[in-house]
């Protein structure tokens, strides 16, 4: 029996939500600058910090962006593209497809993609706001030429959706920053974890993945992971992960293409 570690593909992905995650949750938040400032931090401070980190480590990333965020911060989209990273679709507004009619969902899909492509992005991947689907989502993705989705938690390896020519790149809460760091203002009952705790969790899970092989989809949010102490932790974690045999870093686009061609 081989003792060699299994191949693990790591995708560094960011959901660049900015203010839209709060507006999508409650439209009244559009008039609450204190609330929105949490998202503005992502565009103002965090994205530049994260781009600097990726440059230092010479690693690729995939940024999933709502169309309205791209309209509000076109210079940040230009910065991401100029650095050689992928831009993916994350809705026009940050509204779950499960809350929309088919026509509304299609409008979000088309409008969001049009904004991103007008800024120079090749948009072939879709991450739903809230990782949620409607009964129409996969049909709409096929109709509008998308090639992959990154939303579901039913596997650790990429796979092709039955009856749809869409590759799924699985995600999981373990490798998402929000469950560990996002403060619950309503109840004050959710403790913010330390960066060291989250790094330990991510290291354990990555080591587990090296035993069986598959995809590690790091799913992070600039306004969350982009705090200075967390950026330092992320740099340490990525540096460690890159040193491990059998671990390779790719964009979501590249992993989806490899899965489709059978070369993963």
C-alpha atoms as a PDB file:
ATOM      1  CA  UNK A   1       0.000   0.000   0.000  1.00  0.00           C
ATOM      2  CA  UNK A   2       1.390   3.376  -1.054  1.00  0.00           C
ATOM      3  CA  UNK A   3       2.372   5.823   1.663  1.00  0.00           C
ATOM      4  CA  UNK A   4       2.560   8.718  -0.791  1.00  0.00           C
ATOM      5  CA  UNK A   5       0.069  11.517  -0.060  1.00  0.00           C
ATOM      6  CA  UNK A   6      -2.868  11.842  -2.430  1.00  0.00           C
ATOM      7  CA  UNK A   7      -3.087  14.770  -4.829  1.00  0.00           C
ATOM      8  CA  UNK A   8      -4.891  17.806  -3.375  1.00  0.00           C
ATOM      9  CA  UNK A   9      -5.877  20.830  -5.436  1.00  0.00           C
ATOM     10  CA  UNK A  10      -6.236  24.039  -3.454  1.00  0.00           C
ATOM     11  CA  UNK A  11      -8.256  26.971  -4.773  1.00  0.00           C
ATOM     12  CA  UNK A  12      -7.934  30.288  -2.969  1.00  0.00           C
ATOM     13  CA  UNK A  13     -11.298  31.936  -3.500  1.00  0.00           C
ATOM     14  CA  UNK A  14     -12.783  35.173  -2.240  1.00  0.00           C
ATOM     15  CA  UNK A  15     -16.411  36.296  -2.251  1.00  0.00           C
ATOM     16  CA  UNK A  16     -15.883  40.028  -2.716  1.00  0.00           C
ATOM     17  CA  UNK A  17     -19.290  41.072  -1.338  1.00  0.00           C
ATOM     18  CA  UNK A  18     -18.477  44.553   0.005  1.00  0.00           C
ATOM     19  CA  UNK A  19     -21.717  46.281   1.083  1.00  0.00           C
ATOM     20  CA  UNK A  20     -23.994  43.997  -0.933  1.00  0.00           C
ATOM     21  CA  UNK A  21     -24.098  41.163   1.595  1.00  0.00           C
ATOM     22  CA  UNK A  22     -25.776  43.502   4.104  1.00  0.00           C
ATOM     23  CA  UNK A  23     -28.084  45.126   1.557  1.00  0.00           C
ATOM     24  CA  UNK A  24     -29.149  41.723   0.249  1.00  0.00           C
ATOM     25  CA  UNK A  25     -29.977  40.615   3.782  1.00  0.00           C
ATOM     26  CA  UNK A  26     -32.037  43.759   4.504  1.00  0.00           C
ATOM     27  CA  UNK A  27     -32.555  46.507   1.866  1.00  0.00           C
ATOM     28  CA  UNK A  28     -32.973  49.024   4.708  1.00  0.00           C
ATOM     29  CA  UNK A  29     -29.249  48.602   5.368  1.00  0.00           C
ATOM     30  CA  UNK A  30     -28.613  50.733   2.280  1.00  0.00           C
ATOM     31  CA  UNK A  31     -29.337  53.723   4.525  1.00  0.00           C
ATOM     32  CA  UNK A  32     -27.138  52.573   7.431  1.00  0.00           C
ATOM     33  CA  UNK A  33     -23.564  53.738   6.810  1.00  0.00           C
ATOM     34  CA  UNK A  34     -22.294  52.172  10.020  1.00  0.00           C
ATOM     35  CA  UNK A  35     -23.482  48.753   8.919  1.00  0.00           C
ATOM     36  CA  UNK A  36     -22.212  49.205   5.367  1.00  0.00           C
ATOM     37  CA  UNK A  37     -18.788  50.298   6.581  1.00  0.00           C
ATOM     38  CA  UNK A  38     -18.079  46.646   7.397  1.00  0.00           C
ATOM     39  CA  UNK A  39     -18.319  45.837   3.701  1.00  0.00           C
ATOM     40  CA  UNK A  40     -16.569  49.000   2.570  1.00  0.00           C
ATOM     41  CA  UNK A  41     -13.523  47.840   4.537  1.00  0.00           C
ATOM     42  CA  UNK A  42     -13.245  44.897   2.149  1.00  0.00           C
ATOM     43  CA  UNK A  43     -12.862  47.138  -0.891  1.00  0.00           C
ATOM     44  CA  UNK A  44     -10.914  49.939   0.785  1.00  0.00           C
ATOM     45  CA  UNK A  45      -8.367  47.984   2.837  1.00  0.00           C
ATOM     46  CA  UNK A  46      -8.686  44.202   2.530  1.00  0.00           C
ATOM     47  CA  UNK A  47      -8.539  43.603  -1.220  1.00  0.00           C
ATOM     48  CA  UNK A  48      -5.232  45.514  -1.565  1.00  0.00           C
ATOM     49  CA  UNK A  49      -3.786  43.591   1.401  1.00  0.00           C
ATOM     50  CA  UNK A  50      -4.861  40.279  -0.108  1.00  0.00           C
ATOM     51  CA  UNK A  51      -3.543  41.134  -3.571  1.00  0.00           C
ATOM     52  CA  UNK A  52      -0.196  42.021  -1.992  1.00  0.00           C
ATOM     53  CA  UNK A  53      -0.168  38.666  -0.180  1.00  0.00           C
ATOM     54  CA  UNK A  54      -0.955  36.730  -3.360  1.00  0.00           C
ATOM     55  CA  UNK A  55       1.788  38.636  -5.188  1.00  0.00           C
ATOM     56  CA  UNK A  56       4.370  37.858  -2.510  1.00  0.00           C
ATOM     57  CA  UNK A  57       3.543  34.166  -2.599  1.00  0.00           C
ATOM     58  CA  UNK A  58       3.021  34.076  -6.386  1.00  0.00           C
ATOM     59  CA  UNK A  59      -0.283  32.236  -5.986  1.00  0.00           C
ATOM     60  CA  UNK A  60      -3.438  32.449  -8.146  1.00  0.00           C
ATOM     61  CA  UNK A  61      -6.913  33.168  -6.786  1.00  0.00           C
ATOM     62  CA  UNK A  62     -10.534  33.323  -7.910  1.00  0.00           C
ATOM     63  CA  UNK A  63     -12.674  36.297  -6.856  1.00  0.00           C
ATOM     64  CA  UNK A  64     -16.468  35.923  -7.036  1.00  0.00           C
ATOM     65  CA  UNK A  65     -18.059  39.358  -7.315  1.00  0.00           C
ATOM     66  CA  UNK A  66     -21.649  40.667  -7.365  1.00  0.00           C
ATOM     67  CA  UNK A  67     -22.317  42.986 -10.289  1.00  0.00           C
ATOM     68  CA  UNK A  68     -23.232  45.908  -8.056  1.00  0.00           C
ATOM     69  CA  UNK A  69     -19.937  45.598  -6.198  1.00  0.00           C
ATOM     70  CA  UNK A  70     -18.122  45.762  -9.531  1.00  0.00           C
ATOM     71  CA  UNK A  71     -20.107  48.859 -10.466  1.00  0.00           C
ATOM     72  CA  UNK A  72     -19.275  50.495  -7.137  1.00  0.00           C
ATOM     73  CA  UNK A  73     -15.581  49.524  -7.200  1.00  0.00           C
ATOM     74  CA  UNK A  74     -14.519  49.058 -10.848  1.00  0.00           C
ATOM     75  CA  UNK A  75     -10.927  49.957  -9.969  1.00  0.00           C
ATOM     76  CA  UNK A  76     -10.743  46.962  -7.649  1.00  0.00           C
ATOM     77  CA  UNK A  77     -11.939  44.633 -10.435  1.00  0.00           C
ATOM     78  CA  UNK A  78      -9.258  46.137 -12.662  1.00  0.00           C
ATOM     79  CA  UNK A  79      -6.665  45.545  -9.913  1.00  0.00           C
ATOM     80  CA  UNK A  80      -7.706  41.894  -9.557  1.00  0.00           C
ATOM     81  CA  UNK A  81      -7.558  41.285 -13.299  1.00  0.00           C
ATOM     82  CA  UNK A  82      -4.257  43.144 -13.697  1.00  0.00           C
ATOM     83  CA  UNK A  83      -2.761  40.810 -11.079  1.00  0.00           C
ATOM     84  CA  UNK A  84      -3.776  37.800 -13.203  1.00  0.00           C
ATOM     85  CA  UNK A  85      -6.561  36.430 -11.014  1.00  0.00           C
ATOM     86  CA  UNK A  86      -9.923  35.018 -12.061  1.00  0.00           C
ATOM     87  CA  UNK A  87     -13.236  36.855 -11.718  1.00  0.00           C
ATOM     88  CA  UNK A  88     -16.378  34.756 -11.214  1.00  0.00           C
ATOM     89  CA  UNK A  89     -20.091  35.555 -10.928  1.00  0.00           C
ATOM     90  CA  UNK A  90     -21.699  36.088  -7.517  1.00  0.00           C
ATOM     91  CA  UNK A  91     -25.075  37.532  -8.471  1.00  0.00           C
ATOM     92  CA  UNK A  92     -25.901  41.089  -9.460  1.00  0.00           C
ATOM     93  CA  UNK A  93     -27.192  41.861  -5.992  1.00  0.00           C
ATOM     94  CA  UNK A  94     -26.323  39.509  -3.150  1.00  0.00           C
ATOM     95  CA  UNK A  95     -29.764  37.856  -3.262  1.00  0.00           C
ATOM     96  CA  UNK A  96     -30.317  34.114  -2.909  1.00  0.00           C
ATOM     97  CA  UNK A  97     -31.774  32.539  -6.093  1.00  0.00           C
ATOM     98  CA  UNK A  98     -34.191  30.618  -3.855  1.00  0.00           C
ATOM     99  CA  UNK A  99     -35.959  33.925  -3.166  1.00  0.00           C
ATOM    100  CA  UNK A 100     -36.386  34.804  -6.852  1.00  0.00           C
ATOM    101  CA  UNK A 101     -38.656  33.827  -9.722  1.00  0.00           C
ATOM    102  CA  UNK A 102     -36.993  32.240 -12.727  1.00  0.00           C
ATOM    103  CA  UNK A 103     -37.200  35.535 -14.597  1.00  0.00           C
ATOM    104  CA  UNK A 104     -35.686  37.473 -11.702  1.00  0.00           C
ATOM    105  CA  UNK A 105     -32.888  34.934 -11.301  1.00  0.00           C
ATOM    106  CA  UNK A 106     -32.088  35.105 -15.005  1.00  0.00           C
ATOM    107  CA  UNK A 107     -32.044  38.893 -14.811  1.00  0.00           C
ATOM    108  CA  UNK A 108     -29.534  38.754 -11.951  1.00  0.00           C
ATOM    109  CA  UNK A 109     -27.395  36.264 -13.852  1.00  0.00           C
ATOM    110  CA  UNK A 110     -27.320  38.242 -17.098  1.00  0.00           C
ATOM    111  CA  UNK A 111     -26.945  41.677 -15.555  1.00  0.00           C
ATOM    112  CA  UNK A 112     -24.168  40.598 -13.209  1.00  0.00           C
ATOM    113  CA  UNK A 113     -22.215  38.907 -15.990  1.00  0.00           C
ATOM    114  CA  UNK A 114     -22.619  41.903 -18.302  1.00  0.00           C
ATOM    115  CA  UNK A 115     -21.106  44.209 -15.677  1.00  0.00           C
ATOM    116  CA  UNK A 116     -18.135  41.929 -15.097  1.00  0.00           C
ATOM    117  CA  UNK A 117     -17.423  41.244 -18.783  1.00  0.00           C
ATOM    118  CA  UNK A 118     -17.616  44.971 -19.549  1.00  0.00           C
ATOM    119  CA  UNK A 119     -14.702  45.400 -17.134  1.00  0.00           C
ATOM    120  CA  UNK A 120     -12.655  42.803 -19.008  1.00  0.00           C
ATOM    121  CA  UNK A 121     -13.398  39.589 -17.119  1.00  0.00           C
ATOM    122  CA  UNK A 122     -13.983  36.204 -18.741  1.00  0.00           C
ATOM    123  CA  UNK A 123     -16.822  34.893 -16.583  1.00  0.00           C
ATOM    124  CA  UNK A 124     -17.385  31.142 -16.771  1.00  0.00           C
ATOM    125  CA  UNK A 125     -17.871  30.274 -13.075  1.00  0.00           C
ATOM    126  CA  UNK A 126     -20.802  30.875 -10.747  1.00  0.00           C
ATOM    127  CA  UNK A 127     -20.986  31.045  -6.974  1.00  0.00           C
ATOM    128  CA  UNK A 128     -24.465  31.768  -5.696  1.00  0.00           C
ATOM    129  CA  UNK A 129     -25.083  34.300  -2.956  1.00  0.00           C
ATOM    130  CA  UNK A 130     -25.535  32.133   0.146  1.00  0.00           C
ATOM    131  CA  UNK A 131     -24.438  28.984  -1.745  1.00  0.00           C
ATOM    132  CA  UNK A 132     -28.096  28.491  -2.629  1.00  0.00           C
ATOM    133  CA  UNK A 133     -29.856  27.180  -5.747  1.00  0.00           C
ATOM    134  CA  UNK A 134     -33.377  27.403  -7.108  1.00  0.00           C
ATOM    135  CA  UNK A 135     -34.964  24.678  -9.277  1.00  0.00           C
ATOM    136  CA  UNK A 136     -33.930  26.778 -12.302  1.00  0.00           C
ATOM    137  CA  UNK A 137     -30.313  27.572 -11.444  1.00  0.00           C
ATOM    138  CA  UNK A 138     -28.522  24.773 -13.285  1.00  0.00           C
ATOM    139  CA  UNK A 139     -30.720  25.165 -16.371  1.00  0.00           C
ATOM    140  CA  UNK A 140     -29.938  28.894 -16.454  1.00  0.00           C
ATOM    141  CA  UNK A 141     -26.217  28.312 -16.045  1.00  0.00           C
ATOM    142  CA  UNK A 142     -26.224  25.961 -19.043  1.00  0.00           C
ATOM    143  CA  UNK A 143     -28.368  28.333 -21.122  1.00  0.00           C
ATOM    144  CA  UNK A 144     -25.992  31.213 -20.493  1.00  0.00           C
ATOM    145  CA  UNK A 145     -22.757  29.384 -21.152  1.00  0.00           C
ATOM    146  CA  UNK A 146     -21.339  28.929 -17.664  1.00  0.00           C
ATOM    147  CA  UNK A 147     -18.925  26.019 -17.257  1.00  0.00           C
ATOM    148  CA  UNK A 148     -18.723  25.487 -13.513  1.00  0.00           C
ATOM    149  CA  UNK A 149     -20.502  26.060 -10.215  1.00  0.00           C
ATOM    150  CA  UNK A 150     -18.948  26.208  -6.737  1.00  0.00           C
ATOM    151  CA  UNK A 151     -21.827  25.887  -4.299  1.00  0.00           C
ATOM    152  CA  UNK A 152     -22.587  22.376  -3.046  1.00  0.00           C
ATOM    153  CA  UNK A 153     -21.218  20.276  -0.178  1.00  0.00           C
ATOM    154  CA  UNK A 154     -21.961  16.727  -1.334  1.00  0.00           C
ATOM    155  CA  UNK A 155     -18.444  15.650  -2.295  1.00  0.00           C
ATOM    156  CA  UNK A 156     -14.740  16.396  -1.805  1.00  0.00           C
ATOM    157  CA  UNK A 157     -13.924  16.048  -5.511  1.00  0.00           C
ATOM    158  CA  UNK A 158     -15.148  17.957  -8.553  1.00  0.00           C
ATOM    159  CA  UNK A 159     -17.884  16.252 -10.558  1.00  0.00           C
ATOM    160  CA  UNK A 160     -20.208  16.869 -13.496  1.00  0.00           C
ATOM    161  CA  UNK A 161     -23.846  17.583 -12.683  1.00  0.00           C
ATOM    162  CA  UNK A 162     -26.114  14.852 -14.015  1.00  0.00           C
ATOM    163  CA  UNK A 163     -28.041  16.102 -17.069  1.00  0.00           C
ATOM    164  CA  UNK A 164     -26.217  19.440 -17.002  1.00  0.00           C
ATOM    165  CA  UNK A 165     -22.895  20.273 -18.617  1.00  0.00           C
ATOM    166  CA  UNK A 166     -21.732  22.047 -15.461  1.00  0.00           C
ATOM    167  CA  UNK A 167     -18.758  21.013 -13.319  1.00  0.00           C
ATOM    168  CA  UNK A 168     -19.338  21.335  -9.578  1.00  0.00           C
ATOM    169  CA  UNK A 169     -16.397  22.433  -7.412  1.00  0.00           C
ATOM    170  CA  UNK A 170     -17.527  21.451  -3.888  1.00  0.00           C
ATOM    171  CA  UNK A 171     -17.279  23.775  -0.904  1.00  0.00           C
ATOM    172  CA  UNK A 172     -17.639  23.316   2.836  1.00  0.00           C
ATOM    173  CA  UNK A 173     -18.132  25.479   5.916  1.00  0.00           C
ATOM    174  CA  UNK A 174     -14.875  24.164   7.392  1.00  0.00           C
ATOM    175  CA  UNK A 175     -12.835  26.034   4.787  1.00  0.00           C
ATOM    176  CA  UNK A 176     -15.026  29.166   4.906  1.00  0.00           C
ATOM    177  CA  UNK A 177     -13.907  32.077   7.074  1.00  0.00           C
ATOM    178  CA  UNK A 178     -17.402  33.355   7.931  1.00  0.00           C
ATOM    179  CA  UNK A 179     -18.509  30.617  10.392  1.00  0.00           C
ATOM    180  CA  UNK A 180     -15.364  31.141  12.422  1.00  0.00           C
ATOM    181  CA  UNK A 181     -14.932  34.912  12.370  1.00  0.00           C
ATOM    182  CA  UNK A 182     -18.259  36.607  11.612  1.00  0.00           C
ATOM    183  CA  UNK A 183     -19.688  38.320  14.681  1.00  0.00           C
ATOM    184  CA  UNK A 184     -23.435  37.896  15.292  1.00  0.00           C
ATOM    185  CA  UNK A 185     -24.615  41.408  16.116  1.00  0.00           C
ATOM    186  CA  UNK A 186     -28.214  40.324  16.740  1.00  0.00           C
ATOM    187  CA  UNK A 187     -27.556  37.926  19.596  1.00  0.00           C
ATOM    188  CA  UNK A 188     -23.960  38.638  20.643  1.00  0.00           C
ATOM    189  CA  UNK A 189     -23.777  34.885  21.238  1.00  0.00           C
ATOM    190  CA  UNK A 190     -21.277  33.955  18.518  1.00  0.00           C
ATOM    191  CA  UNK A 191     -17.681  34.189  19.670  1.00  0.00           C
ATOM    192  CA  UNK A 192     -15.063  35.399  17.206  1.00  0.00           C
ATOM    193  CA  UNK A 193     -12.399  32.695  16.975  1.00  0.00           C
ATOM    194  CA  UNK A 194      -8.705  33.439  17.053  1.00  0.00           C
ATOM    195  CA  UNK A 195      -6.704  33.211  13.859  1.00  0.00           C
ATOM    196  CA  UNK A 196      -4.599  30.461  15.450  1.00  0.00           C
ATOM    197  CA  UNK A 197      -7.688  28.319  16.085  1.00  0.00           C
ATOM    198  CA  UNK A 198      -8.845  28.657  12.490  1.00  0.00           C
ATOM    199  CA  UNK A 199      -5.388  27.906  11.134  1.00  0.00           C
ATOM    200  CA  UNK A 200      -5.335  24.734  13.237  1.00  0.00           C
ATOM    201  CA  UNK A 201      -8.722  23.693  11.880  1.00  0.00           C
ATOM    202  CA  UNK A 202      -7.666  24.313   8.276  1.00  0.00           C
ATOM    203  CA  UNK A 203      -4.402  22.423   8.747  1.00  0.00           C
ATOM    204  CA  UNK A 204      -6.213  19.405  10.206  1.00  0.00           C
ATOM    205  CA  UNK A 205      -8.678  19.299   7.340  1.00  0.00           C
ATOM    206  CA  UNK A 206      -6.014  19.728   4.679  1.00  0.00           C
ATOM    207  CA  UNK A 207      -4.010  16.872   6.185  1.00  0.00           C
ATOM    208  CA  UNK A 208      -7.163  14.746   6.089  1.00  0.00           C
ATOM    209  CA  UNK A 209      -7.647  15.628   2.434  1.00  0.00           C
ATOM    210  CA  UNK A 210      -4.084  14.531   1.696  1.00  0.00           C
ATOM    211  CA  UNK A 211      -5.052  11.030   2.801  1.00  0.00           C
ATOM    212  CA  UNK A 212      -7.908  10.679   0.325  1.00  0.00           C
ATOM    213  CA  UNK A 213      -7.305  13.356  -2.329  1.00  0.00           C
ATOM    214  CA  UNK A 214      -9.669  15.943  -3.678  1.00  0.00           C
ATOM    215  CA  UNK A 215     -10.331  19.669  -3.741  1.00  0.00           C
ATOM    216  CA  UNK A 216      -9.805  22.211  -0.991  1.00  0.00           C
ATOM    217  CA  UNK A 217     -11.916  25.252  -1.848  1.00  0.00           C
ATOM    218  CA  UNK A 218     -10.860  27.998   0.532  1.00  0.00           C
ATOM    219  CA  UNK A 219     -13.838  30.360   0.591  1.00  0.00           C
ATOM    220  CA  UNK A 220     -13.048  33.703   2.154  1.00  0.00           C
ATOM    221  CA  UNK A 221     -14.450  37.218   2.270  1.00  0.00           C
ATOM    222  CA  UNK A 222     -12.169  40.251   2.114  1.00  0.00           C
ATOM    223  CA  UNK A 223     -14.064  42.066   4.860  1.00  0.00           C
ATOM    224  CA  UNK A 224     -13.577  39.031   7.150  1.00  0.00           C
ATOM    225  CA  UNK A 225     -10.216  37.441   6.349  1.00  0.00           C
ATOM    226  CA  UNK A 226      -8.717  40.827   5.514  1.00  0.00           C
ATOM    227  CA  UNK A 227      -8.094  41.952   9.085  1.00  0.00           C
ATOM    228  CA  UNK A 228      -4.330  42.381   9.600  1.00  0.00           C
ATOM    229  CA  UNK A 229      -3.873  39.488  12.026  1.00  0.00           C
ATOM    230  CA  UNK A 230      -5.878  37.141   9.831  1.00  0.00           C
ATOM    231  CA  UNK A 231      -3.943  38.132   6.712  1.00  0.00           C
ATOM    232  CA  UNK A 232      -0.747  37.174   8.548  1.00  0.00           C
ATOM    233  CA  UNK A 233      -2.303  33.820   9.513  1.00  0.00           C
ATOM    234  CA  UNK A 234      -3.429  33.232   5.917  1.00  0.00           C
ATOM    235  CA  UNK A 235       0.072  33.908   4.612  1.00  0.00           C
ATOM    236  CA  UNK A 236       1.552  31.433   7.107  1.00  0.00           C
ATOM    237  CA  UNK A 237      -1.074  28.795   6.275  1.00  0.00           C
ATOM    238  CA  UNK A 238      -0.611  29.127   2.510  1.00  0.00           C
ATOM    239  CA  UNK A 239       3.170  29.047   2.822  1.00  0.00           C
ATOM    240  CA  UNK A 240       2.931  25.850   4.885  1.00  0.00           C
ATOM    241  CA  UNK A 241       0.378  24.255   2.522  1.00  0.00           C
ATOM    242  CA  UNK A 242       2.509  25.011  -0.524  1.00  0.00           C
ATOM    243  CA  UNK A 243       5.441  23.168   1.059  1.00  0.00           C
ATOM    244  CA  UNK A 244       3.512  19.894   1.309  1.00  0.00           C
ATOM    245  CA  UNK A 245       4.070  17.145  -1.280  1.00  0.00           C
ATOM    246  CA  UNK A 246       1.006  16.519  -3.413  1.00  0.00           C
ATOM    247  CA  UNK A 247      -0.533  19.970  -2.890  1.00  0.00           C
ATOM    248  CA  UNK A 248      -0.946  22.284  -5.871  1.00  0.00           C
ATOM    249  CA  UNK A 249      -2.680  25.645  -6.217  1.00  0.00           C
ATOM    250  CA  UNK A 250      -4.949  26.563  -9.136  1.00  0.00           C
ATOM    251  CA  UNK A 251      -7.802  28.880 -10.021  1.00  0.00           C
ATOM    252  CA  UNK A 252     -11.329  27.506  -9.937  1.00  0.00           C
ATOM    253  CA  UNK A 253     -11.414  27.922 -13.721  1.00  0.00           C
ATOM    254  CA  UNK A 254      -8.328  25.715 -14.156  1.00  0.00           C
ATOM    255  CA  UNK A 255      -9.605  23.015 -11.806  1.00  0.00           C
ATOM    256  CA  UNK A 256     -12.982  22.933 -13.572  1.00  0.00           C
ATOM    257  CA  UNK A 257     -11.311  22.596 -16.980  1.00  0.00           C
ATOM    258  CA  UNK A 258      -9.077  19.780 -15.684  1.00  0.00           C
ATOM    259  CA  UNK A 259     -12.055  17.968 -14.165  1.00  0.00           C
ATOM    260  CA  UNK A 260     -13.988  18.255 -17.413  1.00  0.00           C
ATOM    261  CA  UNK A 261     -11.087  16.921 -19.495  1.00  0.00           C
ATOM    262  CA  UNK A 262     -10.327  14.092 -17.052  1.00  0.00           C
ATOM    263  CA  UNK A 263      -6.788  15.325 -16.330  1.00  0.00           C
ATOM    264  CA  UNK A 264      -7.391  16.262 -12.666  1.00  0.00           C
END
